[in-house]
Protein backbone atom coordinates (compact mmCIF):
# COMPACT_ATOMS: atom_id res chain seq x y z
CA MET A 1 79.87 130.59 137.37
CA SER A 2 83.20 131.97 136.72
CA TYR A 3 84.04 127.93 135.70
CA ILE A 4 81.42 127.82 133.19
CA ILE A 5 82.59 131.23 131.50
CA ILE A 6 85.98 129.47 131.52
CA LEU A 7 84.94 126.67 129.49
CA THR A 8 82.64 128.49 127.38
CA LEU A 9 85.95 130.94 126.50
CA PHE A 10 87.89 127.56 126.08
CA SER A 11 85.37 126.00 123.87
CA PHE A 12 85.37 129.37 121.94
CA ILE A 13 89.07 129.68 121.51
CA PHE A 14 89.51 126.49 120.38
CA SER A 15 86.68 125.50 118.06
CA ASN A 16 86.81 124.91 114.56
CA GLU A 17 86.08 126.80 111.86
CA VAL A 18 83.57 124.84 109.50
CA CYS A 19 81.59 126.49 106.80
CA PHE A 20 78.85 124.10 106.48
CA ASP A 21 75.30 124.32 108.01
CA ILE A 22 73.71 121.53 109.82
CA GLU A 23 70.15 120.90 108.22
CA SER A 24 67.23 118.67 109.26
CA ASN A 25 66.84 115.26 107.94
CA PRO A 26 65.54 115.72 104.28
CA GLU A 27 64.13 112.43 104.28
CA PRO A 28 62.33 111.71 107.63
CA LEU A 29 60.07 109.26 106.49
CA HIS A 30 62.75 106.99 104.78
CA PRO A 31 62.86 103.74 106.41
CA GLY A 32 66.67 103.62 106.91
CA LEU A 33 67.19 107.21 107.78
CA SER A 34 63.92 108.08 109.87
CA ASN A 35 65.90 108.19 113.01
CA PHE A 36 68.15 110.85 112.15
CA THR A 37 67.45 114.50 112.76
CA LYS A 38 70.92 116.25 111.49
CA TYR A 39 72.03 116.19 108.27
CA VAL A 40 75.10 117.88 105.97
CA HIS A 41 75.37 117.48 102.21
CA VAL A 42 79.07 117.76 101.52
CA LEU A 43 80.29 119.27 98.33
CA ASP A 44 77.15 118.03 96.73
CA CYS A 45 78.51 114.39 96.47
CA PHE A 46 78.20 113.16 100.17
CA HIS A 47 75.78 112.58 102.82
CA VAL A 48 76.43 112.94 106.97
CA TYR A 49 73.47 111.75 108.86
CA ALA A 50 73.52 112.01 112.65
CA GLU A 51 71.20 111.16 115.74
CA PRO A 52 69.92 113.88 117.91
CA SER A 53 72.34 113.12 120.39
CA ILE A 54 75.33 113.96 118.43
CA ASN A 55 76.02 117.41 119.60
CA ASP A 56 76.42 120.04 116.37
CA ALA A 57 80.35 120.43 116.99
CA LYS A 58 80.90 116.74 116.12
CA VAL A 59 78.46 116.48 113.33
CA LEU A 60 80.37 119.75 111.71
CA HIS A 61 83.53 118.03 112.21
CA VAL A 62 82.55 115.03 110.56
CA ALA A 63 81.46 117.08 107.81
CA ALA A 64 84.87 119.06 107.78
CA VAL A 65 86.79 115.64 107.27
CA VAL A 66 84.87 114.42 104.79
CA ALA A 67 85.35 117.89 102.61
CA GLU A 68 88.95 118.16 103.45
CA LEU A 69 89.74 114.47 102.18
CA LEU A 70 87.75 115.10 98.98
CA ASP A 71 88.94 118.63 98.58
CA ASN A 72 92.67 118.46 100.19
CA ASN A 73 93.62 121.61 98.57
CA GLU A 74 90.43 123.47 100.02
CA ASP A 75 89.76 125.37 97.00
CA GLY A 76 85.92 124.40 97.13
CA ILE A 77 85.98 121.80 94.43
CA VAL A 78 86.29 118.00 94.87
CA ASP A 79 90.25 116.99 93.86
CA ASP A 80 89.00 113.93 91.67
CA PRO A 81 85.56 114.75 89.37
CA GLY A 82 85.62 110.89 88.53
CA ILE A 83 85.19 110.20 92.58
CA GLU A 84 82.87 113.04 92.77
CA ILE A 85 80.46 111.77 90.35
CA LEU A 86 80.44 108.01 91.98
CA LEU A 87 80.06 109.34 95.35
CA ARG A 88 76.86 111.04 93.96
CA GLU A 89 75.34 108.74 91.87
CA SER A 90 75.84 105.96 94.95
CA ASN A 91 74.59 108.20 97.43
CA ALA A 92 77.68 107.69 99.72
CA MET A 93 76.81 108.38 103.20
CA ILE A 94 78.68 108.05 106.81
CA PRO A 95 75.83 107.79 109.48
CA VAL A 96 76.70 108.95 112.97
CA PHE A 97 75.25 106.85 116.05
CA LEU A 98 75.20 107.45 119.75
CA SER A 99 76.44 103.83 119.94
CA GLU A 100 76.75 100.54 118.58
CA PHE A 101 73.48 99.49 120.27
CA SER A 102 71.80 102.19 118.14
CA PRO A 103 68.23 100.87 116.83
CA SER A 104 69.27 103.16 113.77
CA MET A 105 71.67 100.84 112.79
CA ASP A 106 69.89 98.01 111.54
CA ASP A 107 67.48 100.40 109.60
CA VAL A 108 70.43 101.89 107.72
CA TRP A 109 71.79 98.32 106.96
CA ASN A 110 68.52 97.05 106.31
CA TYR A 111 66.89 100.03 103.83
CA TYR A 112 69.56 102.38 102.88
CA GLU A 113 69.81 101.91 99.03
CA GLY A 114 73.34 103.89 98.79
CA CYS A 115 76.78 103.08 99.77
CA VAL A 116 77.60 102.91 103.12
CA SER A 117 80.95 101.48 104.27
CA ALA A 118 81.51 102.77 107.76
CA ALA A 119 79.84 104.46 110.52
CA LEU A 120 81.24 106.51 113.43
CA PHE A 121 79.78 106.66 117.02
CA LYS A 122 79.85 109.56 119.24
CA ASN A 123 82.37 108.52 121.74
CA GLU A 124 85.11 108.32 118.62
CA ILE A 125 84.50 111.87 117.52
CA ASN A 126 86.78 114.48 119.39
CA PRO A 127 87.03 117.55 117.10
CA SER A 128 90.17 118.69 118.93
CA GLN A 129 92.28 115.77 117.94
CA PRO A 130 91.75 115.00 113.99
CA GLY A 131 92.68 111.98 112.99
CA TYR A 132 94.66 111.33 116.03
CA TRP A 133 94.67 107.44 116.55
CA GLY A 134 92.73 106.25 120.02
CA GLU A 135 91.26 109.86 119.91
CA ASP A 136 89.22 110.62 116.68
CA ALA A 137 88.19 107.76 114.31
CA THR A 138 86.81 110.39 112.00
CA VAL A 139 89.57 110.35 109.26
CA GLU A 140 89.78 106.41 109.56
CA GLU A 141 85.99 105.84 108.95
CA VAL A 142 85.65 108.75 106.62
CA LEU A 143 88.55 107.44 104.32
CA HIS A 144 87.10 103.74 104.48
CA THR A 145 83.86 105.22 102.58
CA ILE A 146 85.39 107.18 100.11
CA ASN A 147 88.09 104.86 99.20
CA VAL A 148 85.34 101.86 99.11
CA CYS A 149 82.57 103.77 97.62
CA GLY A 150 84.82 105.80 95.34
CA HIS A 151 88.48 104.57 94.44
CA VAL A 152 87.85 100.72 94.34
CA GLU A 153 85.10 101.63 91.73
CA MET A 154 86.87 104.17 89.93
CA TYR A 155 90.12 102.43 89.61
CA PRO A 156 89.67 98.76 90.27
CA SER A 157 92.81 97.75 88.70
CA THR A 158 94.66 99.49 91.32
CA PHE A 159 92.54 99.45 94.26
CA ASN A 160 90.30 96.29 93.73
CA LEU A 161 89.86 94.49 97.20
CA ALA A 162 89.88 90.78 96.39
CA PRO A 163 93.17 88.56 96.29
CA ASN A 164 95.21 89.00 93.00
CA SER A 165 92.93 91.87 91.50
CA SER A 166 94.79 94.76 91.71
CA LEU A 167 98.37 96.62 92.46
CA MET A 168 97.08 97.41 96.09
CA SER A 169 96.19 93.71 96.71
CA ASP A 170 99.64 92.64 95.27
CA ALA A 171 101.39 95.29 97.57
CA MET A 172 99.56 94.25 100.88
CA ASP A 173 100.32 90.65 100.27
CA ILE A 174 103.95 91.91 100.41
CA ALA A 175 103.37 93.86 103.32
CA ARG A 176 101.74 90.93 104.87
CA GLY A 177 104.80 88.80 104.16
CA GLY A 178 102.50 86.48 101.76
CA GLN A 179 99.24 85.92 100.63
CA PHE A 180 96.73 85.23 103.38
CA ILE A 181 93.18 84.58 102.70
CA ASN A 182 92.70 84.04 106.20
CA ILE A 183 94.83 85.32 109.17
CA PRO A 184 97.87 83.21 109.92
CA ASN A 185 98.53 81.88 113.45
CA GLN A 186 101.89 84.11 113.12
CA TYR A 187 102.82 86.54 110.63
CA PRO A 188 106.44 86.13 109.14
CA GLU A 189 108.95 88.08 110.34
CA SER A 190 109.26 90.22 107.15
CA ALA A 191 105.65 91.42 107.43
CA TRP A 192 105.06 95.19 108.29
CA TYR A 193 101.32 94.98 108.32
CA HIS A 194 99.85 92.29 110.46
CA TYR A 195 96.25 92.90 111.20
CA ASP A 196 94.64 90.21 113.51
CA ASP A 197 90.86 90.59 113.80
CA TRP A 198 89.59 87.31 113.21
CA THR A 199 86.23 88.91 111.89
CA CYS A 200 87.98 90.82 108.94
CA ASP A 201 88.29 88.83 105.77
CA TYR A 202 90.99 89.59 102.96
CA GLU A 203 88.87 92.47 101.76
CA CYS A 204 88.50 93.62 104.82
CA MET A 205 92.09 94.09 105.27
CA ALA A 206 92.68 95.44 101.90
CA VAL A 207 90.42 98.47 103.19
CA GLU A 208 92.43 98.84 106.47
CA TYR A 209 95.82 98.48 104.64
CA LEU A 210 94.60 101.47 102.11
CA TYR A 211 93.91 103.63 105.43
CA TRP A 212 97.10 102.67 107.00
CA CYS A 213 99.19 103.80 103.93
CA ILE A 214 97.55 107.11 103.35
CA VAL A 215 97.61 108.31 106.99
CA SER A 216 101.29 107.15 107.15
CA HIS A 217 102.13 109.15 104.20
CA MET A 218 100.21 112.03 105.74
CA GLY A 219 102.11 111.96 108.98
CA LEU A 220 98.88 111.14 111.27
CA LEU A 221 101.14 108.12 113.17
CA ASP A 222 104.19 109.80 113.44
CA ASN A 223 104.07 109.70 117.21
CA ILE A 224 106.12 107.54 119.68
CA GLN A 225 103.04 106.94 121.76
CA ILE A 226 101.03 106.39 118.64
CA CYS A 227 103.62 103.80 117.20
CA ASN A 228 103.75 101.80 120.05
CA GLY A 229 100.01 101.75 120.10
CA ILE A 230 99.51 100.31 117.05
CA ASP A 231 102.55 98.34 116.30
CA ASN A 232 100.46 95.09 116.64
CA GLU A 233 98.95 96.07 113.54
CA TRP A 234 101.10 98.49 111.52
CA GLU A 235 104.95 99.20 111.82
CA LEU A 236 105.17 101.97 109.34
CA CYS A 237 104.53 105.00 111.34
CA SER A 238 106.14 107.82 109.83
CA PRO A 239 106.39 109.17 106.26
CA GLU A 240 109.81 108.31 105.76
CA LEU A 241 109.35 104.44 106.92
CA PHE A 242 106.37 104.12 104.56
CA GLN A 243 108.25 105.87 101.73
CA SER A 244 111.19 103.85 102.06
CA ILE A 245 109.91 100.21 102.91
CA ASP A 246 106.38 99.86 100.92
CA LEU A 247 107.73 100.99 97.84
CA LEU A 248 104.95 99.91 95.45
CA MET A 249 101.97 101.77 97.97
CA TYR A 250 103.85 104.61 98.11
CA SER A 251 103.95 105.00 94.27
CA ILE A 252 100.33 104.41 94.25
CA ILE A 253 99.77 107.01 97.03
CA THR A 254 101.55 109.81 95.51
CA SER A 255 100.53 109.31 91.90
CA SER A 256 98.76 112.22 90.55
CA GLU A 257 96.66 109.73 88.64
CA TYR A 258 94.40 108.91 91.43
CA ASN A 259 94.20 112.16 93.53
CA LEU A 260 94.54 110.64 97.13
CA PRO A 261 94.72 113.47 100.03
CA HIS A 262 98.21 114.07 101.22
CA LEU A 263 97.25 116.50 103.81
CA ALA A 264 96.07 115.64 106.91
CA PRO A 265 92.88 116.95 107.70
CA ASP A 266 92.54 119.60 110.81
CA GLY A 267 89.03 119.79 111.17
CA ASN A 268 88.73 123.27 109.52
CA TYR A 269 86.98 123.75 106.26
CA CYS A 270 86.08 127.14 105.01
CA PRO A 271 87.30 127.61 101.47
CA SER A 272 87.74 130.68 99.38
CA SER A 273 85.65 130.71 96.28
CA VAL A 274 88.68 131.41 94.66
CA GLN A 275 92.25 129.63 94.80
CA GLY A 276 94.42 132.26 96.69
CA ASP A 277 91.90 134.51 97.92
CA LEU A 278 93.11 133.89 101.49
CA ASN A 279 91.29 136.77 102.95
CA TYR A 280 88.18 135.82 101.04
CA ASP A 281 87.52 139.47 100.00
CA GLY A 282 86.97 138.28 96.42
CA VAL A 283 89.77 139.52 94.92
CA ILE A 284 93.34 138.07 94.83
CA ASN A 285 96.04 140.90 95.28
CA ILE A 286 98.91 142.10 97.66
CA SER A 287 96.55 141.70 100.68
CA ASP A 288 96.65 137.66 99.94
CA ILE A 289 100.56 137.94 99.58
CA ILE A 290 100.93 139.98 103.07
CA ILE A 291 98.56 137.11 104.72
CA LEU A 292 101.06 134.26 103.30
CA VAL A 293 104.06 136.09 104.14
CA ASN A 294 103.11 136.51 107.91
CA SER A 295 101.97 132.68 107.97
CA ILE A 296 105.56 131.79 107.00
CA ILE A 297 107.20 134.44 109.21
CA THR A 298 104.95 132.86 112.07
CA GLY A 299 105.99 129.49 111.29
CA VAL A 300 102.51 128.20 111.82
CA TYR A 301 101.36 125.61 109.21
CA SER A 302 98.11 126.50 107.07
CA ILE A 303 96.91 124.00 104.85
CA GLN A 304 94.94 126.85 103.20
CA ASN A 305 98.03 128.63 102.74
CA ASP A 306 99.68 125.30 101.12
CA LEU A 307 98.89 126.46 97.59
CA ASN A 308 101.14 124.18 95.94
CA LEU A 309 100.53 121.32 98.17
CA ASP A 310 103.78 120.30 99.35
CA SER A 311 102.72 120.34 103.25
CA GLN A 312 104.99 123.60 103.49
CA ASN A 313 104.28 126.85 103.82
CA ASP A 314 107.53 128.76 102.05
CA ILE A 315 108.61 130.87 99.20
CA LEU A 316 107.20 128.59 96.53
CA ASP A 317 103.66 129.42 97.91
CA ILE A 318 104.34 132.86 97.15
CA ILE A 319 105.57 132.32 93.74
CA TYR A 320 102.46 130.36 93.16
CA LEU A 321 100.43 133.00 94.32
CA VAL A 322 102.08 135.59 92.38
CA ASN A 323 101.53 133.60 89.40
CA ILE A 324 97.88 133.48 90.07
CA ILE A 325 97.71 137.26 90.37
CA LEU A 326 99.55 137.59 87.05
CA ASP A 327 97.31 135.20 85.26
CA VAL A 328 94.09 136.81 86.87
CA ASN A 329 95.19 140.41 85.75
């Protein structure tokens, strides 16, 4: 009994805060969706469907990561209105299956009319390690879906996937040491992106490349163990390496024109209805400044408190918050 209590307390202490509700499948008679029982509509533009065997914590984790990537400053509003419209109009969705042998997979691929670019399996989701390579694939698969259903359609001259079609395809050719429609027997020494999955064509390579660039900039790969684990595919595992070597893609990733996410999801999503309302009391005042100051003093980074989106909690966030208060008053 004591062991069960300890596990329960551990789960409670380390559970993520996600302000979404899991609903029942709104389309149980749809031939592509009939095997799903759990559903979350994220920010009114993105669907998460899960099979009954997927526990609620994992379903909510997927929903939180979707929200954090679309609303990176967590103010409750999708950062790019154009992407929001595209995702909504295309019925963008990520399905969560028990395994790759799930019969639901064929149903989705054969009958779902919306945009589905990736899927997640139960054993790929780890809410305690959000986005950590080898532990949680949620950030990767959700990014693939948002990028393909959103950015490629919204900004084709920048993100189109075909050879010689976009700034990104040009950048990938440089990163691979040349333009390879098919995977070469050996990549040039100059390459820092050398994905070798023979089932992945050029456009697939471009989707993977965009993922590596975004998470490198986020710092999600900046770990010796991860670097060693991915060096057969990708070498720029720190933000500094990415910035200094992949110059063209760094300029794209950091451009304000495309509103790509810069902050790594942490699996928590419970935004204030008003930016700067850090205690969720409906007003922005000295109480919120105190919360922000305490956050800075403790040195524990909070994406919710990073009001100027520079990946730090510091005096600049306090100035930003004071300006919000002055504008409100």
